[in-house]
């Protein structure tokens, strides 16, 4: 293979105590937390807007913060929600109502993406976080007390240094770049391109006609089962609710630029099939797609191999880890690889899982922590703790630990767990085994 040596002296432009990679639910909370503890903190995000999946993939319903009518996740993540509500960007549901099987989405919080992103901007900047949007790391080198990060941006290459790093990319990209081992399931859950439709007359849609035309289009290969929600009459749910979280994009892996490119193209092709098919249905001739997400939402890629691992058994049993730093609450939620169905397994009533600090620490790591859906766990547990509120909770824990490790100049494995917990409580997080909020 031909190689090319690039000779250029890139001067160090900035020194940081903590650099967080990824501006989603985990990364924003991690950066805000570290900065509020006095650590000089940078937040690096490939997009030009904060919010991650909540904003760019239009999965703008973060949850779950409550379990069995009691709050189990609070802290900075909840502060962001409350501020979004205060600015008119969300309305809180009634958390005192305990919903039955498969109705957990009723406790999701629908946020206005713009207002929520503005709250993130303001909160990060108020905390003193150095926002580095439109940037990505090209290489990371260890060097004594510093991690040297070669950064690529719109104006070319630059070099920054940091004492501690937090991987909140969702795909463990930083852990991989630094040579830490990763895990990935033999099969990956499908992704989803969120969209909204209008311009049609629901009262003119005949269900029997819709089914007949669907069967013809399906036989001709013009539409696929994964293009719509399950149901006796395909696309009836989509039309009744204006689109929403329906498409399954199968056979994708969003952990690399190449595979993410393939995912985005496949997602838009699927939406084009939906649009083309529905406009042939009587009553839908003027159907329009008035919104589709900038990115295909990816559910599953890489997970770090951590000092500890959240398993299906420890998650569903509600096991309280000795080094637990937060709660998580969501049913096992596996989207089937080649169909439009979901394997949802609610937790036993009263069960609230916990997440150990060791699951945030790549094995043998001294300077890197993970937060969000790429923390260490098996596939089933990951399908639950990957949701946004849980990512916020692990992000806050990582922010505390990174700031402490940087300030004391110690390994992230040597930070005292009780000191982490004490700081989390100081910043209004709920820490096991502290009682849930009533």
Protein backbone atom coordinates (compact mmCIF):
# COMPACT_ATOMS: atom_id res chain seq x y z
CA UNK A 1 0.00 0.00 0.00
CA UNK A 2 1.33 3.41 -0.93
CA UNK A 3 1.94 5.76 1.98
CA UNK A 4 2.53 9.49 2.15
CA UNK A 5 4.42 11.34 4.84
CA UNK A 6 2.93 14.72 5.59
CA UNK A 7 5.64 17.03 6.88
CA UNK A 8 4.23 20.00 8.71
CA UNK A 9 4.80 21.61 12.07
CA UNK A 10 1.45 22.14 13.79
CA UNK A 11 1.79 24.35 16.88
CA UNK A 12 -0.22 23.69 20.03
CA UNK A 13 -2.94 26.33 20.18
CA UNK A 14 -4.81 25.38 23.37
CA UNK A 15 -4.33 23.41 26.59
CA UNK A 16 -7.33 21.90 28.39
CA UNK A 17 -7.92 19.90 31.52
CA UNK A 18 -10.77 17.98 29.84
CA UNK A 19 -11.79 17.58 26.22
CA UNK A 20 -15.18 16.00 25.48
CA UNK A 21 -15.86 14.53 22.06
CA UNK A 22 -19.49 14.55 20.91
CA UNK A 23 -22.09 17.23 21.64
CA UNK A 24 -25.07 14.98 22.30
CA UNK A 25 -26.89 14.19 25.57
CA UNK A 26 -23.83 12.58 27.16
CA UNK A 27 -21.23 15.01 25.85
CA UNK A 28 -23.05 18.22 26.74
CA UNK A 29 -23.73 17.15 30.32
CA UNK A 30 -20.14 15.91 30.71
CA UNK A 31 -18.67 19.20 29.47
CA UNK A 32 -20.98 21.37 31.58
CA UNK A 33 -20.20 19.31 34.67
CA UNK A 34 -16.42 19.40 34.21
CA UNK A 35 -16.44 23.13 33.53
CA UNK A 36 -18.60 23.87 36.59
CA UNK A 37 -15.99 22.09 38.70
CA UNK A 38 -13.34 24.51 37.48
CA UNK A 39 -11.75 22.31 34.82
CA UNK A 40 -10.78 24.10 31.61
CA UNK A 41 -13.05 22.20 29.24
CA UNK A 42 -13.58 21.96 25.50
CA UNK A 43 -16.52 20.30 23.74
CA UNK A 44 -15.75 19.11 20.21
CA UNK A 45 -18.67 18.38 17.87
CA UNK A 46 -18.60 17.47 14.16
CA UNK A 47 -21.89 19.29 13.47
CA UNK A 48 -22.61 22.98 13.77
CA UNK A 49 -25.23 22.48 16.48
CA UNK A 50 -25.36 20.80 19.87
CA UNK A 51 -27.88 18.15 20.84
CA UNK A 52 -26.74 15.08 18.95
CA UNK A 53 -29.49 12.59 18.20
CA UNK A 54 -32.07 14.79 19.94
CA UNK A 55 -31.57 17.54 17.37
CA UNK A 56 -29.89 16.27 14.19
CA UNK A 57 -31.75 12.92 14.12
CA UNK A 58 -35.02 14.49 15.38
CA UNK A 59 -35.33 11.99 18.23
CA UNK A 60 -36.50 14.97 20.25
CA UNK A 61 -38.17 13.10 23.08
CA UNK A 62 -35.52 12.51 25.77
CA UNK A 63 -36.31 10.05 28.51
CA UNK A 64 -36.79 8.33 30.76
CA UNK A 65 -36.14 10.39 33.89
CA UNK A 66 -38.82 8.70 36.01
CA UNK A 67 -39.46 5.12 37.11
CA UNK A 68 -42.60 3.87 38.80
CA UNK A 69 -43.83 7.50 39.22
CA UNK A 70 -40.61 8.62 40.98
CA UNK A 71 -37.71 10.58 39.54
CA UNK A 72 -34.51 8.54 39.21
CA UNK A 73 -32.39 10.77 36.94
CA UNK A 74 -31.94 14.47 37.66
CA UNK A 75 -28.82 16.67 37.75
CA UNK A 76 -27.65 18.63 34.73
CA UNK A 77 -29.71 16.65 32.22
CA UNK A 78 -32.91 17.45 34.09
CA UNK A 79 -31.81 21.07 34.48
CA UNK A 80 -31.61 21.30 30.68
CA UNK A 81 -35.12 19.90 30.36
CA UNK A 82 -36.50 22.29 32.97
CA UNK A 83 -34.92 25.27 31.25
CA UNK A 84 -36.37 24.15 27.91
CA UNK A 85 -39.78 23.96 29.57
CA UNK A 86 -39.30 27.42 31.11
CA UNK A 87 -38.58 28.87 27.67
CA UNK A 88 -41.71 27.32 26.20
CA UNK A 89 -39.90 24.53 24.37
CA UNK A 90 -41.51 21.55 26.13
CA UNK A 91 -44.42 20.48 28.31
CA UNK A 92 -43.86 17.90 31.02
CA UNK A 93 -46.19 14.88 31.12
CA UNK A 94 -47.87 13.73 34.31
CA UNK A 95 -45.22 11.52 35.89
CA UNK A 96 -47.59 10.45 38.67
CA UNK A 97 -49.44 8.19 36.21
CA UNK A 98 -47.96 4.71 35.90
CA UNK A 99 -48.58 3.42 32.39
CA UNK A 100 -49.07 -0.19 31.42
CA UNK A 101 -46.95 -2.46 29.24
CA UNK A 102 -45.38 -0.76 26.15
CA UNK A 103 -46.73 2.67 27.09
CA UNK A 104 -43.44 4.00 28.46
CA UNK A 105 -43.23 6.58 25.60
CA UNK A 106 -45.96 8.54 27.38
CA UNK A 107 -43.29 9.63 29.87
CA UNK A 108 -40.99 10.89 27.12
CA UNK A 109 -40.65 14.68 26.95
CA UNK A 110 -41.18 16.20 23.51
CA UNK A 111 -38.77 19.14 23.17
CA UNK A 112 -38.63 21.83 20.52
CA UNK A 113 -35.31 21.17 18.84
CA UNK A 114 -34.37 24.82 18.38
CA UNK A 115 -35.21 25.89 21.92
CA UNK A 116 -33.43 22.84 23.34
CA UNK A 117 -30.31 23.52 21.24
CA UNK A 118 -30.35 27.17 22.38
CA UNK A 119 -30.50 26.01 26.00
CA UNK A 120 -27.47 23.80 25.36
CA UNK A 121 -25.54 26.70 23.80
CA UNK A 122 -26.34 29.01 26.68
CA UNK A 123 -25.70 26.48 29.45
CA UNK A 124 -22.37 25.36 27.99
CA UNK A 125 -21.16 28.91 27.50
CA UNK A 126 -22.37 30.03 30.93
CA UNK A 127 -20.36 27.18 32.45
CA UNK A 128 -17.26 28.30 30.57
CA UNK A 129 -17.11 25.42 28.07
CA UNK A 130 -15.04 26.19 24.98
CA UNK A 131 -17.31 25.12 22.10
CA UNK A 132 -15.41 23.67 19.14
CA UNK A 133 -18.09 23.00 16.53
CA UNK A 134 -17.31 21.80 12.99
CA UNK A 135 -14.23 19.98 14.30
CA UNK A 136 -13.14 16.35 14.60
CA UNK A 137 -10.02 14.65 15.93
CA UNK A 138 -7.71 13.29 13.25
CA UNK A 139 -5.20 11.63 15.60
CA UNK A 140 -4.47 11.38 19.32
CA UNK A 141 -1.03 10.79 20.83
CA UNK A 142 -0.05 10.15 24.42
CA UNK A 143 2.73 12.34 25.79
CA UNK A 144 3.46 12.34 29.50
CA UNK A 145 0.83 14.41 31.28
CA UNK A 146 -0.82 15.43 28.00
CA UNK A 147 -2.91 13.90 25.26
CA UNK A 148 -2.02 15.63 21.99
CA UNK A 149 -5.03 15.90 19.70
CA UNK A 150 -4.61 16.70 16.03
CA UNK A 151 -7.82 18.45 15.04
CA UNK A 152 -9.26 18.92 11.58
CA UNK A 153 -11.66 21.76 10.92
CA UNK A 154 -12.81 24.13 8.21
CA UNK A 155 -9.48 25.99 8.22
CA UNK A 156 -7.26 22.90 8.24
CA UNK A 157 -5.27 21.22 10.99
CA UNK A 158 -4.62 22.42 14.52
CA UNK A 159 -3.16 20.85 17.64
CA UNK A 160 -4.52 20.97 21.18
CA UNK A 161 -3.53 19.26 24.43
CA UNK A 162 -5.64 17.81 27.22
CA UNK A 163 -5.08 15.97 30.48
CA UNK A 164 -8.25 13.83 30.32
CA UNK A 165 -10.62 12.89 27.51
CA UNK A 166 -14.26 11.82 27.40
CA UNK A 167 -15.60 9.75 24.50
CA UNK A 168 -19.24 10.72 24.04
CA UNK A 169 -19.31 9.99 20.30
CA UNK A 170 -21.86 7.18 20.72
CA UNK A 171 -19.68 4.94 18.56
CA UNK A 172 -16.56 4.79 20.77
CA UNK A 173 -14.57 6.51 18.01
CA UNK A 174 -12.07 8.03 20.45
CA UNK A 175 -11.53 4.76 22.30
CA UNK A 176 -10.85 3.06 18.98
CA UNK A 177 -8.51 5.85 17.87
CA UNK A 178 -6.53 5.38 21.07
CA UNK A 179 -6.30 1.62 20.63
CA UNK A 180 -8.72 0.40 23.30
CA UNK A 181 -10.63 -2.82 22.53
CA UNK A 182 -14.28 -2.58 21.50
CA UNK A 183 -17.26 -4.91 21.31
CA UNK A 184 -19.99 -5.09 18.71
CA UNK A 185 -22.84 -7.53 18.30
CA UNK A 186 -22.91 -10.02 15.44
CA UNK A 187 -25.95 -8.15 14.17
CA UNK A 188 -26.76 -4.48 14.72
CA UNK A 189 -30.17 -2.98 15.32
CA UNK A 190 -31.62 -1.07 12.37
CA UNK A 191 -31.58 2.71 12.32
CA UNK A 192 -34.45 5.11 11.74
CA UNK A 193 -34.90 8.24 9.67
CA UNK A 194 -37.51 10.36 11.44
CA UNK A 195 -39.88 12.24 9.13
CA UNK A 196 -43.19 14.11 9.11
CA UNK A 197 -45.77 14.25 6.32
CA UNK A 198 -48.79 16.38 5.54
CA UNK A 199 -50.87 17.58 2.57
CA UNK A 200 -53.10 14.50 2.41
CA UNK A 201 -56.78 13.97 3.23
CA UNK A 202 -57.07 11.18 5.75
CA UNK A 203 -60.85 11.09 5.31
CA UNK A 204 -60.38 10.12 1.64
CA UNK A 205 -58.02 7.22 2.33
CA UNK A 206 -59.74 3.86 1.91
CA UNK A 207 -58.07 1.17 4.01
CA UNK A 208 -58.96 -1.67 1.66
CA UNK A 209 -57.60 0.25 -1.33
CA UNK A 210 -54.45 1.11 0.62
CA UNK A 211 -53.88 -2.58 1.38
CA UNK A 212 -54.44 -3.64 -2.24
CA UNK A 213 -51.99 -1.08 -3.60
CA UNK A 214 -49.47 -1.95 -0.91
CA UNK A 215 -49.57 -5.65 -1.83
CA UNK A 216 -49.03 -4.78 -5.49
CA UNK A 217 -46.14 -2.43 -4.72
CA UNK A 218 -44.58 -4.96 -2.35
CA UNK A 219 -44.77 -7.72 -5.00
CA UNK A 220 -43.10 -5.37 -7.48
CA UNK A 221 -40.30 -4.56 -5.03
CA UNK A 222 -41.34 -0.91 -4.84
CA UNK A 223 -41.84 -0.91 -1.06
CA UNK A 224 -40.41 -2.93 1.83
CA UNK A 225 -41.79 -4.21 5.11
CA UNK A 226 -39.18 -2.21 7.00
CA UNK A 227 -40.47 1.03 5.43
CA UNK A 228 -43.47 1.19 7.77
CA UNK A 229 -44.81 0.29 11.22
CA UNK A 230 -46.34 -3.14 11.86
CA UNK A 231 -50.09 -3.42 11.48
CA UNK A 232 -52.83 -5.12 9.46
CA UNK A 233 -53.03 -2.16 7.09
CA UNK A 234 -49.51 -0.96 6.23
CA UNK A 235 -48.97 2.82 6.48
CA UNK A 236 -52.28 3.41 8.25
CA UNK A 237 -50.39 4.33 11.43
CA UNK A 238 -48.04 6.62 9.54
CA UNK A 239 -50.93 8.48 7.92
CA UNK A 240 -52.89 8.76 11.17
CA UNK A 241 -49.93 10.28 13.05
CA UNK A 242 -48.14 12.16 10.27
CA UNK A 243 -45.15 9.89 9.80
CA UNK A 244 -42.88 9.87 12.87
CA UNK A 245 -40.55 7.13 14.06
CA UNK A 246 -41.46 4.40 11.57
CA UNK A 247 -38.74 3.40 9.13
CA UNK A 248 -36.23 0.64 9.95
CA UNK A 249 -32.98 1.02 8.01
CA UNK A 250 -31.45 -2.44 8.14
CA UNK A 251 -27.92 -3.62 7.46
CA UNK A 252 -26.16 -0.44 8.57
CA UNK A 253 -23.23 0.39 10.83
CA UNK A 254 -22.74 4.04 11.72
CA UNK A 255 -19.37 3.71 13.46
CA UNK A 256 -17.23 4.90 10.52
CA UNK A 257 -17.59 7.71 8.00
CA UNK A 258 -17.96 5.19 5.19
CA UNK A 259 -20.62 3.11 6.94
CA UNK A 260 -22.46 6.22 8.16
CA UNK A 261 -22.52 7.50 4.59
CA UNK A 262 -24.08 4.24 3.46
CA UNK A 263 -26.64 4.48 6.27
CA UNK A 264 -27.65 8.04 5.33
CA UNK A 265 -28.08 7.12 1.66
CA UNK A 266 -30.12 4.00 2.47
CA UNK A 267 -32.30 6.01 4.85
CA UNK A 268 -33.15 8.64 2.24
CA UNK A 269 -33.80 5.93 -0.35
CA UNK A 270 -36.29 4.34 2.05
CA UNK A 271 -38.08 7.64 2.63
CA UNK A 272 -38.23 8.21 -1.12
CA UNK A 273 -39.93 4.81 -1.50
CA UNK A 274 -42.46 5.82 1.14
CA UNK A 275 -43.13 9.18 -0.54
CA UNK A 276 -43.45 7.67 -4.02
CA UNK A 277 -45.81 4.92 -2.86
CA UNK A 278 -48.09 7.07 -0.72
CA UNK A 279 -48.63 9.69 -3.40
CA UNK A 280 -50.28 6.97 -5.49
CA UNK A 281 -52.92 6.37 -2.81
CA UNK A 282 -56.28 8.14 -3.36
CA UNK A 283 -56.41 11.01 -0.88
CA UNK A 284 -52.59 11.29 -0.76
CA UNK A 285 -51.92 12.72 -4.21
CA UNK A 286 -50.69 16.00 -2.70
CA UNK A 287 -48.78 14.41 0.17
CA UNK A 288 -45.61 16.27 1.12
CA UNK A 289 -42.65 15.53 3.35
CA UNK A 290 -42.46 18.69 5.41
CA UNK A 291 -39.65 17.49 7.69
CA UNK A 292 -36.99 14.82 7.70
CA UNK A 293 -34.03 14.54 10.03
CA UNK A 294 -30.56 15.63 8.99
CA UNK A 295 -29.18 12.26 10.04
CA UNK A 296 -30.35 8.68 10.23
CA UNK A 297 -30.73 7.78 13.89
CA UNK A 298 -28.33 4.96 14.79
CA UNK A 299 -29.23 2.68 17.69
CA UNK A 300 -26.26 0.38 18.00
CA UNK A 301 -22.59 0.28 16.98
CA UNK A 302 -19.52 -0.12 19.21
CA UNK A 303 -19.21 -0.45 22.97
CA UNK A 304 -16.02 -0.18 24.96
CA UNK A 305 -14.57 -3.14 26.81
CA UNK A 306 -14.71 -1.65 30.27
CA UNK A 307 -13.37 -2.31 33.73
CA UNK A 308 -16.93 -3.50 34.42
CA UNK A 309 -19.79 -4.53 32.13
CA UNK A 310 -23.52 -3.98 32.44
CA UNK A 311 -25.22 -7.24 31.50
CA UNK A 312 -28.82 -8.17 30.83
CA UNK A 313 -28.91 -9.89 34.22
CA UNK A 314 -27.49 -7.00 36.23
CA UNK A 315 -29.71 -4.51 34.38
CA UNK A 316 -33.02 -6.31 34.61
CA UNK A 317 -32.47 -7.41 38.23
CA UNK A 318 -31.84 -3.87 39.43
CA UNK A 319 -28.48 -4.90 40.86
CA UNK A 320 -26.88 -2.03 42.78
CA UNK A 321 -23.22 -1.96 41.78
CA UNK A 322 -20.74 -1.10 44.56
CA UNK A 323 -19.46 1.75 42.36
CA UNK A 324 -22.87 2.78 40.98
CA UNK A 325 -22.90 6.41 39.80
CA UNK A 326 -26.42 6.70 38.39
CA UNK A 327 -29.68 4.97 37.66
CA UNK A 328 -31.00 4.02 34.23
CA UNK A 329 -34.58 3.23 33.35
CA UNK A 330 -35.93 1.81 30.10
CA UNK A 331 -37.26 -1.56 28.96
CA UNK A 332 -35.09 -3.91 26.95
CA UNK A 333 -35.78 -2.48 23.50
CA UNK A 334 -34.36 -4.49 20.59
CA UNK A 335 -35.46 -3.47 17.11
CA UNK A 336 -35.45 -6.52 14.87
CA UNK A 337 -32.79 -6.64 12.20
CA UNK A 338 -34.92 -7.61 9.20
CA UNK A 339 -38.46 -6.65 10.10
CA UNK A 340 -40.50 -3.69 11.32
CA UNK A 341 -41.09 -5.17 14.78
CA UNK A 342 -39.57 -4.46 18.20
CA UNK A 343 -38.79 -6.81 21.08
CA UNK A 344 -39.88 -4.76 24.11
CA UNK A 345 -39.41 -6.36 27.53
CA UNK A 346 -40.54 -4.12 30.39
CA UNK A 347 -38.72 -4.27 33.70
CA UNK A 348 -40.35 -5.94 36.66
CA UNK A 349 -42.35 -3.42 38.67
CA UNK A 350 -40.18 -1.63 41.21
CA UNK A 351 -36.91 -2.50 39.44
CA UNK A 352 -34.55 0.38 38.67
CA UNK A 353 -31.18 -0.58 37.12
CA UNK A 354 -27.90 1.08 38.09
CA UNK A 355 -24.76 1.89 36.09
CA UNK A 356 -21.28 1.31 37.60
CA UNK A 357 -18.41 3.75 37.20
CA UNK A 358 -16.30 0.86 35.87
CA UNK A 359 -18.53 0.65 32.78
CA UNK A 360 -17.37 4.18 31.86
CA UNK A 361 -13.67 3.24 32.06
CA UNK A 362 -12.04 1.51 29.09
CA UNK A 363 -10.03 -1.42 30.39
CA UNK A 364 -6.62 -0.22 31.68
CA UNK A 365 -7.36 3.39 30.72
CA UNK A 366 -5.65 6.16 32.65
CA UNK A 367 -6.83 9.21 30.74
CA UNK A 368 -9.99 8.30 28.81
CA UNK A 369 -13.58 7.84 29.96
CA UNK A 370 -16.64 6.89 27.95
CA UNK A 371 -20.18 8.23 28.37
CA UNK A 372 -23.48 7.55 26.66
CA UNK A 373 -24.46 4.54 24.61
CA UNK A 374 -20.86 3.35 24.03
CA UNK A 375 -20.22 2.45 27.70
CA UNK A 376 -19.50 -1.20 28.48
CA UNK A 377 -22.46 -3.56 28.37
CA UNK A 378 -23.94 -6.47 26.51
CA UNK A 379 -26.32 -6.03 23.60
CA UNK A 380 -29.55 -6.42 25.56
CA UNK A 381 -28.58 -4.05 28.35
CA UNK A 382 -27.26 -1.55 25.81
CA UNK A 383 -30.65 -1.52 24.08
CA UNK A 384 -32.05 0.01 27.27
CA UNK A 385 -29.31 2.24 28.71
CA UNK A 386 -28.62 3.83 25.31
CA UNK A 387 -31.57 6.22 25.70
CA UNK A 388 -31.02 9.93 26.25
CA UNK A 389 -31.75 10.43 29.95
CA UNK A 390 -29.40 7.58 30.86
CA UNK A 391 -26.76 9.05 28.54
CA UNK A 392 -27.11 12.38 30.35
CA UNK A 393 -26.59 10.63 33.70
CA UNK A 394 -23.44 8.79 32.59
CA UNK A 395 -22.19 11.99 30.96
CA UNK A 396 -22.48 13.89 34.23
CA UNK A 397 -20.64 11.12 36.07
CA UNK A 398 -17.85 11.13 33.47
CA UNK A 399 -17.58 14.91 33.74
CA UNK A 400 -17.12 14.73 37.51
CA UNK A 401 -14.53 11.95 37.29
CA UNK A 402 -12.53 13.58 34.50
CA UNK A 403 -12.40 16.92 36.32
CA UNK A 404 -11.27 15.24 39.54
CA UNK A 405 -8.65 13.12 37.76
CA UNK A 406 -7.29 16.12 35.87
CA UNK A 407 -7.17 18.27 39.00
CA UNK A 408 -5.36 15.62 41.04
CA UNK A 409 -3.22 14.43 38.09
CA UNK A 410 -4.24 10.81 38.69
CA UNK A 411 -5.55 7.97 36.55
CA UNK A 412 -9.28 7.91 35.93
CA UNK A 413 -9.17 4.46 37.55
CA UNK A 414 -7.82 5.94 40.77
CA UNK A 415 -10.48 8.57 41.41
CA UNK A 416 -12.25 7.85 44.68
CA UNK A 417 -15.78 6.63 43.97
CA UNK A 418 -17.19 8.32 47.09
CA UNK A 419 -15.72 11.62 45.96
CA UNK A 420 -17.40 11.16 42.56
CA UNK A 421 -20.70 10.46 44.26
CA UNK A 422 -20.35 13.42 46.60
CA UNK A 423 -19.81 15.81 43.69
CA UNK A 424 -22.71 14.31 41.75
CA UNK A 425 -25.03 14.91 44.69
CA UNK A 426 -23.64 18.45 45.04
CA UNK A 427 -24.72 19.07 41.45
CA UNK A 428 -28.22 17.65 42.05
CA UNK A 429 -27.74 14.21 40.48
CA UNK A 430 -29.52 11.19 41.95
CA UNK A 431 -26.96 8.59 43.00
CA UNK A 432 -27.66 4.98 44.06
CA UNK A 433 -28.50 3.94 46.66
CA UNK A 434 -29.93 7.37 47.49
CA UNK A 435 -33.71 7.20 47.59
CA UNK A 436 -35.58 8.18 44.47
CA UNK A 437 -37.29 11.51 44.38
CA UNK A 438 -40.96 11.36 45.30
